[in-house]
Amino acid sequence: MSETTTGRVDTNETSQSVAAISTRLTQAAALAKTTLVCADSEREAVRIVLDLDVPLSEAKTLHGAICLIDHINRKVAEATAPGD
């Protein structure tokens, strides 16, 4: 992610990260719905649910990254704030 001249991360990149999380969660929701509709057996349901692991893990990782970026941005803003 690129930084602006103030040291803050570009809002557009944060928006793209949020969109990526949304995409992963949408994929996970679609798989969950598929499980309810299409599972002919318990074994099939378990297989489909296990497929949720990757998109949920990716969404969790992206969420953690966004939280870290926000934390860094707040620290930079505090450090560069005029006259305390």
N, C-alpha and C. Protein backbone atom coordinates (compact mmCIF):
# COMPACT_ATOMS: atom_id res chain seq x y z
N MET A 1 0.83 -1.18 0.00
CA MET A 1 0.00 0.00 0.00
C MET A 1 0.88 1.23 0.00
N SER A 2 0.50 2.19 -0.78
CA SER A 2 1.30 3.41 -0.86
C SER A 2 0.83 4.42 0.17
N GLU A 3 1.75 5.29 0.53
CA GLU A 3 1.43 6.32 1.50
C GLU A 3 1.40 7.66 0.79
N THR A 4 0.61 8.57 1.34
CA THR A 4 0.57 9.93 0.81
C THR A 4 1.72 10.71 1.43
N THR A 5 1.86 11.97 1.06
CA THR A 5 2.96 12.78 1.59
C THR A 5 2.83 13.01 3.08
N THR A 6 1.65 12.83 3.66
CA THR A 6 1.47 13.00 5.10
C THR A 6 1.76 11.72 5.86
N GLY A 7 2.07 10.64 5.15
CA GLY A 7 2.35 9.37 5.80
C GLY A 7 1.11 8.51 5.98
N ARG A 8 -0.04 9.01 5.58
CA ARG A 8 -1.28 8.25 5.73
C ARG A 8 -1.49 7.37 4.49
N VAL A 9 -2.08 6.22 4.72
CA VAL A 9 -2.35 5.30 3.62
C VAL A 9 -3.51 5.85 2.80
N ASP A 10 -3.42 5.72 1.50
CA ASP A 10 -4.44 6.20 0.56
C ASP A 10 -5.79 5.56 0.88
N THR A 11 -6.82 6.41 0.99
CA THR A 11 -8.17 5.94 1.28
C THR A 11 -8.68 5.00 0.21
N ASN A 12 -8.30 5.23 -1.03
CA ASN A 12 -8.73 4.37 -2.13
C ASN A 12 -8.23 2.94 -1.91
N GLU A 13 -7.02 2.78 -1.43
CA GLU A 13 -6.48 1.45 -1.18
C GLU A 13 -7.21 0.77 -0.03
N THR A 14 -7.57 1.54 0.99
CA THR A 14 -8.34 0.98 2.10
C THR A 14 -9.70 0.52 1.59
N SER A 15 -10.32 1.31 0.73
CA SER A 15 -11.61 0.94 0.14
C SER A 15 -11.49 -0.35 -0.66
N GLN A 16 -10.40 -0.49 -1.37
CA GLN A 16 -10.17 -1.72 -2.14
C GLN A 16 -10.02 -2.91 -1.21
N SER A 17 -9.37 -2.72 -0.07
CA SER A 17 -9.21 -3.80 0.90
C SER A 17 -10.56 -4.21 1.49
N VAL A 18 -11.38 -3.21 1.80
CA VAL A 18 -12.71 -3.49 2.32
C VAL A 18 -13.52 -4.25 1.26
N ALA A 19 -13.39 -3.86 0.02
CA ALA A 19 -14.09 -4.55 -1.07
C ALA A 19 -13.61 -6.00 -1.18
N ALA A 20 -12.32 -6.23 -0.98
CA ALA A 20 -11.79 -7.59 -1.03
C ALA A 20 -12.37 -8.44 0.10
N ILE A 21 -12.49 -7.85 1.30
CA ILE A 21 -13.11 -8.58 2.41
C ILE A 21 -14.56 -8.91 2.08
N SER A 22 -15.26 -7.93 1.54
CA SER A 22 -16.66 -8.14 1.17
C SER A 22 -16.79 -9.28 0.16
N THR A 23 -15.88 -9.32 -0.80
CA THR A 23 -15.91 -10.38 -1.80
C THR A 23 -15.72 -11.74 -1.16
N ARG A 24 -14.74 -11.85 -0.25
CA ARG A 24 -14.47 -13.13 0.42
C ARG A 24 -15.68 -13.56 1.25
N LEU A 25 -16.29 -12.62 1.96
CA LEU A 25 -17.45 -12.96 2.78
C LEU A 25 -18.65 -13.34 1.92
N THR A 26 -18.79 -12.69 0.77
CA THR A 26 -19.87 -13.03 -0.15
C THR A 26 -19.67 -14.46 -0.67
N GLN A 27 -18.43 -14.81 -0.97
CA GLN A 27 -18.13 -16.16 -1.42
C GLN A 27 -18.45 -17.17 -0.32
N ALA A 28 -18.10 -16.85 0.91
CA ALA A 28 -18.37 -17.74 2.04
C ALA A 28 -19.88 -17.91 2.22
N ALA A 29 -20.63 -16.81 2.11
CA ALA A 29 -22.08 -16.88 2.26
C ALA A 29 -22.70 -17.75 1.16
N ALA A 30 -22.19 -17.60 -0.05
CA ALA A 30 -22.70 -18.40 -1.17
C ALA A 30 -22.44 -19.89 -0.92
N LEU A 31 -21.27 -20.21 -0.40
CA LEU A 31 -20.97 -21.61 -0.10
C LEU A 31 -21.87 -22.14 1.01
N ALA A 32 -22.15 -21.30 2.01
CA ALA A 32 -23.03 -21.72 3.09
C ALA A 32 -24.44 -22.00 2.55
N LYS A 33 -24.94 -21.14 1.68
CA LYS A 33 -26.26 -21.35 1.08
C LYS A 33 -26.27 -22.62 0.24
N THR A 34 -25.19 -22.84 -0.50
CA THR A 34 -25.08 -24.04 -1.31
C THR A 34 -25.14 -25.28 -0.43
N THR A 35 -24.49 -25.20 0.72
CA THR A 35 -24.51 -26.33 1.65
C THR A 35 -25.93 -26.66 2.06
N LEU A 36 -26.70 -25.65 2.40
CA LEU A 36 -28.07 -25.89 2.84
C LEU A 36 -28.94 -26.47 1.74
N VAL A 37 -28.73 -26.01 0.51
CA VAL A 37 -29.59 -26.41 -0.59
C VAL A 37 -29.16 -27.73 -1.23
N CYS A 38 -27.86 -27.92 -1.38
CA CYS A 38 -27.37 -29.01 -2.23
C CYS A 38 -26.86 -30.24 -1.50
N ALA A 39 -26.64 -30.17 -0.22
CA ALA A 39 -26.03 -31.30 0.46
C ALA A 39 -26.98 -32.49 0.49
N ASP A 40 -26.56 -33.57 -0.15
CA ASP A 40 -27.36 -34.80 -0.17
C ASP A 40 -27.05 -35.68 1.03
N SER A 41 -25.92 -35.40 1.66
CA SER A 41 -25.53 -36.23 2.79
C SER A 41 -24.72 -35.40 3.78
N GLU A 42 -24.54 -35.95 4.95
CA GLU A 42 -23.72 -35.27 5.95
C GLU A 42 -22.29 -35.09 5.46
N ARG A 43 -21.77 -36.10 4.77
CA ARG A 43 -20.41 -36.02 4.24
C ARG A 43 -20.27 -34.87 3.24
N GLU A 44 -21.24 -34.71 2.37
CA GLU A 44 -21.23 -33.63 1.38
C GLU A 44 -21.32 -32.27 2.08
N ALA A 45 -22.16 -32.17 3.09
CA ALA A 45 -22.30 -30.92 3.84
C ALA A 45 -20.97 -30.54 4.51
N VAL A 46 -20.30 -31.51 5.09
CA VAL A 46 -19.01 -31.24 5.74
C VAL A 46 -17.99 -30.78 4.71
N ARG A 47 -17.95 -31.41 3.55
CA ARG A 47 -17.00 -31.02 2.51
C ARG A 47 -17.25 -29.57 2.07
N ILE A 48 -18.50 -29.22 1.88
CA ILE A 48 -18.82 -27.86 1.45
C ILE A 48 -18.45 -26.86 2.53
N VAL A 49 -18.77 -27.16 3.78
CA VAL A 49 -18.44 -26.25 4.88
C VAL A 49 -16.93 -26.08 4.99
N LEU A 50 -16.17 -27.14 4.79
CA LEU A 50 -14.71 -27.02 4.85
C LEU A 50 -14.18 -26.10 3.76
N ASP A 51 -14.89 -26.00 2.64
CA ASP A 51 -14.51 -25.07 1.58
C ASP A 51 -14.63 -23.61 2.04
N LEU A 52 -15.39 -23.37 3.09
CA LEU A 52 -15.52 -22.01 3.64
C LEU A 52 -14.23 -21.54 4.30
N ASP A 53 -13.40 -22.45 4.70
CA ASP A 53 -12.20 -22.11 5.46
C ASP A 53 -11.32 -21.10 4.75
N VAL A 54 -11.06 -21.28 3.47
CA VAL A 54 -10.15 -20.38 2.75
C VAL A 54 -10.71 -18.95 2.64
N PRO A 55 -11.95 -18.75 2.14
CA PRO A 55 -12.42 -17.37 2.05
C PRO A 55 -12.57 -16.70 3.42
N LEU A 56 -12.97 -17.44 4.45
CA LEU A 56 -13.07 -16.84 5.78
C LEU A 56 -11.70 -16.48 6.33
N SER A 57 -10.72 -17.33 6.10
CA SER A 57 -9.37 -17.05 6.55
C SER A 57 -8.81 -15.81 5.85
N GLU A 58 -9.04 -15.72 4.54
CA GLU A 58 -8.58 -14.54 3.79
C GLU A 58 -9.26 -13.27 4.29
N ALA A 59 -10.57 -13.34 4.55
CA ALA A 59 -11.29 -12.18 5.06
C ALA A 59 -10.75 -11.77 6.42
N LYS A 60 -10.46 -12.73 7.28
CA LYS A 60 -9.91 -12.43 8.60
C LYS A 60 -8.54 -11.76 8.48
N THR A 61 -7.70 -12.26 7.60
CA THR A 61 -6.38 -11.68 7.39
C THR A 61 -6.48 -10.25 6.87
N LEU A 62 -7.35 -10.03 5.88
CA LEU A 62 -7.54 -8.69 5.33
C LEU A 62 -8.10 -7.74 6.39
N HIS A 63 -9.03 -8.21 7.20
CA HIS A 63 -9.58 -7.37 8.27
C HIS A 63 -8.47 -6.97 9.25
N GLY A 64 -7.63 -7.92 9.62
CA GLY A 64 -6.51 -7.62 10.52
C GLY A 64 -5.57 -6.58 9.92
N ALA A 65 -5.32 -6.69 8.63
CA ALA A 65 -4.45 -5.71 7.95
C ALA A 65 -5.06 -4.32 7.97
N ILE A 66 -6.35 -4.23 7.71
CA ILE A 66 -7.02 -2.93 7.73
C ILE A 66 -6.99 -2.33 9.13
N CYS A 67 -7.21 -3.16 10.14
CA CYS A 67 -7.14 -2.66 11.52
C CYS A 67 -5.74 -2.15 11.85
N LEU A 68 -4.72 -2.86 11.40
CA LEU A 68 -3.34 -2.43 11.64
C LEU A 68 -3.05 -1.12 10.92
N ILE A 69 -3.50 -0.99 9.69
CA ILE A 69 -3.30 0.25 8.93
C ILE A 69 -3.98 1.41 9.64
N ASP A 70 -5.21 1.18 10.12
CA ASP A 70 -5.92 2.24 10.85
C ASP A 70 -5.17 2.63 12.12
N HIS A 71 -4.66 1.65 12.83
CA HIS A 71 -3.88 1.92 14.04
C HIS A 71 -2.63 2.75 13.72
N ILE A 72 -1.93 2.38 12.67
CA ILE A 72 -0.73 3.12 12.25
C ILE A 72 -1.11 4.55 11.86
N ASN A 73 -2.19 4.70 11.11
CA ASN A 73 -2.64 6.03 10.70
C ASN A 73 -2.95 6.91 11.92
N ARG A 74 -3.60 6.33 12.93
CA ARG A 74 -3.92 7.11 14.13
C ARG A 74 -2.64 7.52 14.86
N LYS A 75 -1.67 6.61 14.94
CA LYS A 75 -0.40 6.93 15.61
C LYS A 75 0.36 8.02 14.86
N VAL A 76 0.37 7.95 13.54
CA VAL A 76 1.03 8.97 12.72
C VAL A 76 0.33 10.31 12.92
N ALA A 77 -1.00 10.30 12.93
CA ALA A 77 -1.75 11.54 13.14
C ALA A 77 -1.46 12.15 14.51
N GLU A 78 -1.36 11.30 15.53
CA GLU A 78 -1.04 11.80 16.88
C GLU A 78 0.36 12.37 16.92
N ALA A 79 1.29 11.72 16.27
CA ALA A 79 2.69 12.17 16.30
C ALA A 79 2.91 13.45 15.52
N THR A 80 2.09 13.68 14.50
CA THR A 80 2.28 14.85 13.67
C THR A 80 1.29 15.97 13.96
N ALA A 81 0.43 15.76 14.98
CA ALA A 81 -0.56 16.78 15.33
C ALA A 81 0.14 18.04 15.86
N PRO A 82 -0.28 19.19 15.35
CA PRO A 82 0.34 20.44 15.80
C PRO A 82 -0.08 20.79 17.23
N GLY A 83 0.89 21.32 18.00
CA GLY A 83 0.70 21.88 19.34
C GLY A 83 -0.14 21.11 20.32
N ASP A 84 0.46 20.26 21.07
CA ASP A 84 -0.25 19.58 22.15
C ASP A 84 -0.10 20.34 23.43
